[in-house]
Amino acid sequence: MSKPKVVKDYDKLTDAVKEQIKLVYPRGFAHHLVSFTNRDGEKKMGLPFETEEFYYLIRMTSVRAERIIEDDDDFEDGMLKTDVLEDYSEKYDDVDALSLNANDDNEFDIVDPDTLDDDD
Protein backbone atom coordinates (compact mmCIF):
# COMPACT_ATOMS: atom_id res chain seq x y z
CA MET A 1 0.00 0.00 0.00
CA SER A 2 1.40 3.41 -0.93
CA LYS A 3 1.69 6.24 1.53
CA PRO A 4 -0.57 9.27 1.30
CA LYS A 5 1.15 12.24 -0.35
CA VAL A 6 0.94 15.48 1.60
CA VAL A 7 1.81 18.90 0.20
CA LYS A 8 2.32 21.31 3.09
CA ASP A 9 4.07 24.55 4.02
CA TYR A 10 7.14 24.24 6.24
CA ASP A 11 5.62 26.52 8.89
CA LYS A 12 2.64 24.19 9.29
CA LEU A 13 4.70 21.09 10.07
CA THR A 14 5.00 19.79 13.62
CA ASP A 15 8.23 20.52 15.47
CA ALA A 16 9.08 16.81 15.43
CA VAL A 17 8.83 16.64 11.64
CA LYS A 18 10.90 19.84 11.28
CA GLU A 19 13.60 18.38 13.53
CA GLN A 20 13.70 15.18 11.50
CA ILE A 21 13.94 17.18 8.27
CA LYS A 22 16.93 19.03 9.72
CA LEU A 23 18.60 15.67 10.40
CA VAL A 24 18.01 14.58 6.82
CA TYR A 25 19.14 17.91 5.34
CA PRO A 26 21.81 19.21 7.78
CA ARG A 27 23.38 21.40 5.10
CA GLY A 28 20.17 23.14 4.13
CA PHE A 29 17.25 22.54 1.82
CA ALA A 30 17.75 24.69 -1.28
CA HIS A 31 19.72 22.21 -3.41
CA HIS A 32 17.29 19.37 -2.62
CA LEU A 33 14.15 21.01 -3.97
CA VAL A 34 12.21 19.22 -6.67
CA SER A 35 9.58 20.56 -9.03
CA PHE A 36 6.03 19.24 -9.00
CA THR A 37 2.69 20.14 -10.52
CA ASN A 38 -0.05 21.09 -8.10
CA ARG A 39 -3.76 20.31 -8.47
CA ASP A 40 -4.26 23.46 -10.54
CA GLY A 41 -1.60 22.38 -13.02
CA GLU A 42 0.91 24.95 -11.79
CA LYS A 43 4.62 24.14 -11.47
CA LYS A 44 5.82 24.48 -7.89
CA MET A 45 8.93 23.60 -5.90
CA GLY A 46 9.07 21.44 -2.81
CA LEU A 47 11.34 19.56 -0.47
CA PRO A 48 10.72 15.79 -0.44
CA PHE A 49 10.56 14.11 2.95
CA GLU A 50 9.25 10.68 3.90
CA THR A 51 7.98 9.47 7.27
CA GLU A 52 6.52 6.11 8.20
CA GLU A 53 3.03 7.51 7.60
CA PHE A 54 3.39 10.08 4.79
CA TYR A 55 5.36 11.19 1.79
CA TYR A 56 5.67 14.99 2.12
CA LEU A 57 6.38 17.62 -0.47
CA ILE A 58 7.08 20.71 1.59
CA ARG A 59 6.27 23.79 -0.47
CA MET A 60 9.11 26.29 -0.71
CA THR A 61 11.12 28.25 -3.22
CA SER A 62 14.90 28.25 -3.14
CA VAL A 63 14.80 31.76 -1.64
CA ARG A 64 12.42 30.58 1.10
CA ALA A 65 14.60 27.49 1.72
CA GLU A 66 17.65 29.69 2.25
CA ARG A 67 15.73 32.10 4.50
CA ILE A 68 14.44 29.25 6.69
CA ILE A 69 18.04 28.16 7.34
CA GLU A 70 19.28 31.74 7.90
CA ASP A 71 16.51 32.42 10.45
CA ASP A 72 16.80 29.10 12.30
CA ASP A 73 18.96 29.14 15.44
CA ASP A 74 19.72 25.42 14.94
CA PHE A 75 21.89 26.36 11.94
CA GLU A 76 25.12 28.31 11.75
CA ASP A 77 26.73 29.30 8.45
CA GLY A 78 24.26 27.11 6.58
CA MET A 79 25.05 23.98 8.59
CA LEU A 80 23.11 22.28 11.37
CA LYS A 81 25.07 22.92 14.56
CA THR A 82 26.98 19.89 15.83
CA ASP A 83 25.31 19.87 19.24
CA VAL A 84 21.86 20.10 17.63
CA LEU A 85 22.74 17.32 15.20
CA GLU A 86 23.85 15.12 18.10
CA ASP A 87 20.72 15.92 20.16
CA TYR A 88 18.32 15.24 17.29
CA SER A 89 20.22 12.10 16.25
CA GLU A 90 19.80 10.72 19.75
CA LYS A 91 16.19 11.87 20.02
CA TYR A 92 15.17 10.22 16.73
CA ASP A 93 17.50 7.23 16.83
CA ASP A 94 14.54 4.84 16.72
CA VAL A 95 12.83 6.46 13.71
CA ASP A 96 13.48 3.98 10.91
CA ALA A 97 11.87 6.17 8.25
CA LEU A 98 14.77 8.62 8.38
CA SER A 99 16.86 6.10 6.44
CA LEU A 100 14.35 6.42 3.58
CA ASN A 101 15.59 9.97 3.10
CA ALA A 102 19.31 9.25 2.70
CA ASN A 103 21.22 11.78 0.63
CA ASP A 104 24.77 13.12 0.31
CA ASP A 105 24.09 15.70 3.02
CA ASN A 106 23.57 13.15 5.76
CA GLU A 107 26.40 10.80 4.84
CA PHE A 108 29.08 12.22 7.10
CA ASP A 109 30.53 11.60 10.53
CA ILE A 110 30.06 13.98 13.44
CA VAL A 111 33.45 15.43 14.32
CA ASP A 112 34.20 17.52 17.38
CA PRO A 113 36.13 20.53 16.01
CA ASP A 114 38.16 20.69 19.23
CA THR A 115 39.73 17.32 18.40
CA LEU A 116 41.07 18.44 15.01
CA ASP A 117 44.68 19.41 14.49
CA ASP A 118 45.40 22.77 12.93
CA ASP A 119 46.51 20.88 9.80
CA ASP A 120 43.04 19.31 9.27
C-alpha atoms as a PDB file:
ATOM      1  CA  MET A   1       0.000   0.000   0.000  1.00  0.00           C
ATOM      2  CA  SER A   2       1.404   3.414  -0.926  1.00  0.00           C
ATOM      3  CA  LYS A   3       1.686   6.240   1.533  1.00  0.00           C
ATOM      4  CA  PRO A   4      -0.569   9.271   1.303  1.00  0.00           C
ATOM      5  CA  LYS A   5       1.149  12.236  -0.346  1.00  0.00           C
ATOM      6  CA  VAL A   6       0.940  15.480   1.601  1.00  0.00           C
ATOM      7  CA  VAL A   7       1.812  18.901   0.204  1.00  0.00           C
ATOM      8  CA  LYS A   8       2.317  21.308   3.086  1.00  0.00           C
ATOM      9  CA  ASP A   9       4.065  24.549   4.019  1.00  0.00           C
ATOM     10  CA  TYR A  10       7.135  24.237   6.244  1.00  0.00           C
ATOM     11  CA  ASP A  11       5.621  26.521   8.887  1.00  0.00           C
ATOM     12  CA  LYS A  12       2.639  24.190   9.286  1.00  0.00           C
ATOM     13  CA  LEU A  13       4.698  21.087  10.070  1.00  0.00           C
ATOM     14  CA  THR A  14       5.001  19.789  13.616  1.00  0.00           C
ATOM     15  CA  ASP A  15       8.228  20.519  15.473  1.00  0.00           C
ATOM     16  CA  ALA A  16       9.076  16.810  15.432  1.00  0.00           C
ATOM     17  CA  VAL A  17       8.832  16.640  11.640  1.00  0.00           C
ATOM     18  CA  LYS A  18      10.900  19.837  11.283  1.00  0.00           C
ATOM     19  CA  GLU A  19      13.599  18.382  13.532  1.00  0.00           C
ATOM     20  CA  GLN A  20      13.702  15.176  11.499  1.00  0.00           C
ATOM     21  CA  ILE A  21      13.936  17.182   8.275  1.00  0.00           C
ATOM     22  CA  LYS A  22      16.934  19.030   9.717  1.00  0.00           C
ATOM     23  CA  LEU A  23      18.603  15.671  10.401  1.00  0.00           C
ATOM     24  CA  VAL A  24      18.012  14.579   6.822  1.00  0.00           C
ATOM     25  CA  TYR A  25      19.140  17.911   5.340  1.00  0.00           C
ATOM     26  CA  PRO A  26      21.808  19.208   7.783  1.00  0.00           C
ATOM     27  CA  ARG A  27      23.379  21.398   5.098  1.00  0.00           C
ATOM     28  CA  GLY A  28      20.170  23.137   4.126  1.00  0.00           C
ATOM     29  CA  PHE A  29      17.251  22.541   1.824  1.00  0.00           C
ATOM     30  CA  ALA A  30      17.750  24.687  -1.281  1.00  0.00           C
ATOM     31  CA  HIS A  31      19.718  22.214  -3.414  1.00  0.00           C
ATOM     32  CA  HIS A  32      17.295  19.373  -2.624  1.00  0.00           C
ATOM     33  CA  LEU A  33      14.153  21.013  -3.970  1.00  0.00           C
ATOM     34  CA  VAL A  34      12.210  19.220  -6.672  1.00  0.00           C
ATOM     35  CA  SER A  35       9.577  20.555  -9.029  1.00  0.00           C
ATOM     36  CA  PHE A  36       6.033  19.242  -9.000  1.00  0.00           C
ATOM     37  CA  THR A  37       2.694  20.136 -10.523  1.00  0.00           C
ATOM     38  CA  ASN A  38      -0.053  21.092  -8.099  1.00  0.00           C
ATOM     39  CA  ARG A  39      -3.760  20.311  -8.466  1.00  0.00           C
ATOM     40  CA  ASP A  40      -4.263  23.455 -10.538  1.00  0.00           C
ATOM     41  CA  GLY A  41      -1.597  22.381 -13.025  1.00  0.00           C
ATOM     42  CA  GLU A  42       0.914  24.950 -11.789  1.00  0.00           C
ATOM     43  CA  LYS A  43       4.622  24.136 -11.474  1.00  0.00           C
ATOM     44  CA  LYS A  44       5.823  24.483  -7.890  1.00  0.00           C
ATOM     45  CA  MET A  45       8.933  23.604  -5.903  1.00  0.00           C
ATOM     46  CA  GLY A  46       9.066  21.439  -2.808  1.00  0.00           C
ATOM     47  CA  LEU A  47      11.340  19.556  -0.469  1.00  0.00           C
ATOM     48  CA  PRO A  48      10.715  15.791  -0.442  1.00  0.00           C
ATOM     49  CA  PHE A  49      10.564  14.106   2.947  1.00  0.00           C
ATOM     50  CA  GLU A  50       9.253  10.684   3.895  1.00  0.00           C
ATOM     51  CA  THR A  51       7.980   9.473   7.266  1.00  0.00           C
ATOM     52  CA  GLU A  52       6.521   6.114   8.204  1.00  0.00           C
ATOM     53  CA  GLU A  53       3.027   7.508   7.597  1.00  0.00           C
ATOM     54  CA  PHE A  54       3.390  10.084   4.791  1.00  0.00           C
ATOM     55  CA  TYR A  55       5.361  11.194   1.786  1.00  0.00           C
ATOM     56  CA  TYR A  56       5.670  14.985   2.115  1.00  0.00           C
ATOM     57  CA  LEU A  57       6.381  17.622  -0.471  1.00  0.00           C
ATOM     58  CA  ILE A  58       7.082  20.705   1.586  1.00  0.00           C
ATOM     59  CA  ARG A  59       6.271  23.788  -0.469  1.00  0.00           C
ATOM     60  CA  MET A  60       9.106  26.294  -0.708  1.00  0.00           C
ATOM     61  CA  THR A  61      11.117  28.250  -3.219  1.00  0.00           C
ATOM     62  CA  SER A  62      14.905  28.248  -3.139  1.00  0.00           C
ATOM     63  CA  VAL A  63      14.800  31.758  -1.641  1.00  0.00           C
ATOM     64  CA  ARG A  64      12.416  30.578   1.097  1.00  0.00           C
ATOM     65  CA  ALA A  65      14.598  27.490   1.717  1.00  0.00           C
ATOM     66  CA  GLU A  66      17.646  29.686   2.251  1.00  0.00           C
ATOM     67  CA  ARG A  67      15.733  32.104   4.496  1.00  0.00           C
ATOM     68  CA  ILE A  68      14.442  29.249   6.694  1.00  0.00           C
ATOM     69  CA  ILE A  69      18.040  28.161   7.336  1.00  0.00           C
ATOM     70  CA  GLU A  70      19.276  31.736   7.901  1.00  0.00           C
ATOM     71  CA  ASP A  71      16.515  32.420  10.445  1.00  0.00           C
ATOM     72  CA  ASP A  72      16.804  29.100  12.303  1.00  0.00           C
ATOM     73  CA  ASP A  73      18.959  29.137  15.441  1.00  0.00           C
ATOM     74  CA  ASP A  74      19.716  25.420  14.938  1.00  0.00           C
ATOM     75  CA  PHE A  75      21.892  26.359  11.938  1.00  0.00           C
ATOM     76  CA  GLU A  76      25.120  28.307  11.745  1.00  0.00           C
ATOM     77  CA  ASP A  77      26.730  29.298   8.447  1.00  0.00           C
ATOM     78  CA  GLY A  78      24.256  27.106   6.582  1.00  0.00           C
ATOM     79  CA  MET A  79      25.049  23.978   8.593  1.00  0.00           C
ATOM     80  CA  LEU A  80      23.113  22.277  11.372  1.00  0.00           C
ATOM     81  CA  LYS A  81      25.070  22.925  14.564  1.00  0.00           C
ATOM     82  CA  THR A  82      26.985  19.893  15.832  1.00  0.00           C
ATOM     83  CA  ASP A  83      25.309  19.872  19.242  1.00  0.00           C
ATOM     84  CA  VAL A  84      21.856  20.105  17.634  1.00  0.00           C
ATOM     85  CA  LEU A  85      22.743  17.319  15.204  1.00  0.00           C
ATOM     86  CA  GLU A  86      23.849  15.117  18.099  1.00  0.00           C
ATOM     87  CA  ASP A  87      20.722  15.924  20.155  1.00  0.00           C
ATOM     88  CA  TYR A  88      18.317  15.238  17.287  1.00  0.00           C
ATOM     89  CA  SER A  89      20.221  12.098  16.251  1.00  0.00           C
ATOM     90  CA  GLU A  90      19.803  10.723  19.750  1.00  0.00           C
ATOM     91  CA  LYS A  91      16.191  11.873  20.022  1.00  0.00           C
ATOM     92  CA  TYR A  92      15.168  10.219  16.732  1.00  0.00           C
ATOM     93  CA  ASP A  93      17.500   7.226  16.831  1.00  0.00           C
ATOM     94  CA  ASP A  94      14.540   4.840  16.724  1.00  0.00           C
ATOM     95  CA  VAL A  95      12.827   6.463  13.711  1.00  0.00           C
ATOM     96  CA  ASP A  96      13.476   3.979  10.914  1.00  0.00           C
ATOM     97  CA  ALA A  97      11.867   6.171   8.254  1.00  0.00           C
ATOM     98  CA  LEU A  98      14.768   8.623   8.385  1.00  0.00           C
ATOM     99  CA  SER A  99      16.861   6.103   6.438  1.00  0.00           C
ATOM    100  CA  LEU A 100      14.352   6.418   3.581  1.00  0.00           C
ATOM    101  CA  ASN A 101      15.589   9.970   3.100  1.00  0.00           C
ATOM    102  CA  ALA A 102      19.309   9.251   2.697  1.00  0.00           C
ATOM    103  CA  ASN A 103      21.224  11.783   0.631  1.00  0.00           C
ATOM    104  CA  ASP A 104      24.769  13.118   0.311  1.00  0.00           C
ATOM    105  CA  ASP A 105      24.088  15.701   3.024  1.00  0.00           C
ATOM    106  CA  ASN A 106      23.570  13.151   5.763  1.00  0.00           C
ATOM    107  CA  GLU A 107      26.395  10.804   4.845  1.00  0.00           C
ATOM    108  CA  PHE A 108      29.082  12.224   7.103  1.00  0.00           C
ATOM    109  CA  ASP A 109      30.533  11.604  10.532  1.00  0.00           C
ATOM    110  CA  ILE A 110      30.060  13.976  13.439  1.00  0.00           C
ATOM    111  CA  VAL A 111      33.448  15.429  14.321  1.00  0.00           C
ATOM    112  CA  ASP A 112      34.196  17.519  17.379  1.00  0.00           C
ATOM    113  CA  PRO A 113      36.127  20.527  16.012  1.00  0.00           C
ATOM    114  CA  ASP A 114      38.159  20.690  19.232  1.00  0.00           C
ATOM    115  CA  THR A 115      39.732  17.323  18.403  1.00  0.00           C
ATOM    116  CA  LEU A 116      41.070  18.443  15.010  1.00  0.00           C
ATOM    117  CA  ASP A 117      44.684  19.405  14.489  1.00  0.00           C
ATOM    118  CA  ASP A 118      45.400  22.769  12.930  1.00  0.00           C
ATOM    119  CA  ASP A 119      46.510  20.883   9.797  1.00  0.00           C
ATOM    120  CA  ASP A 120      43.044  19.310   9.274  1.00  0.00           C
END
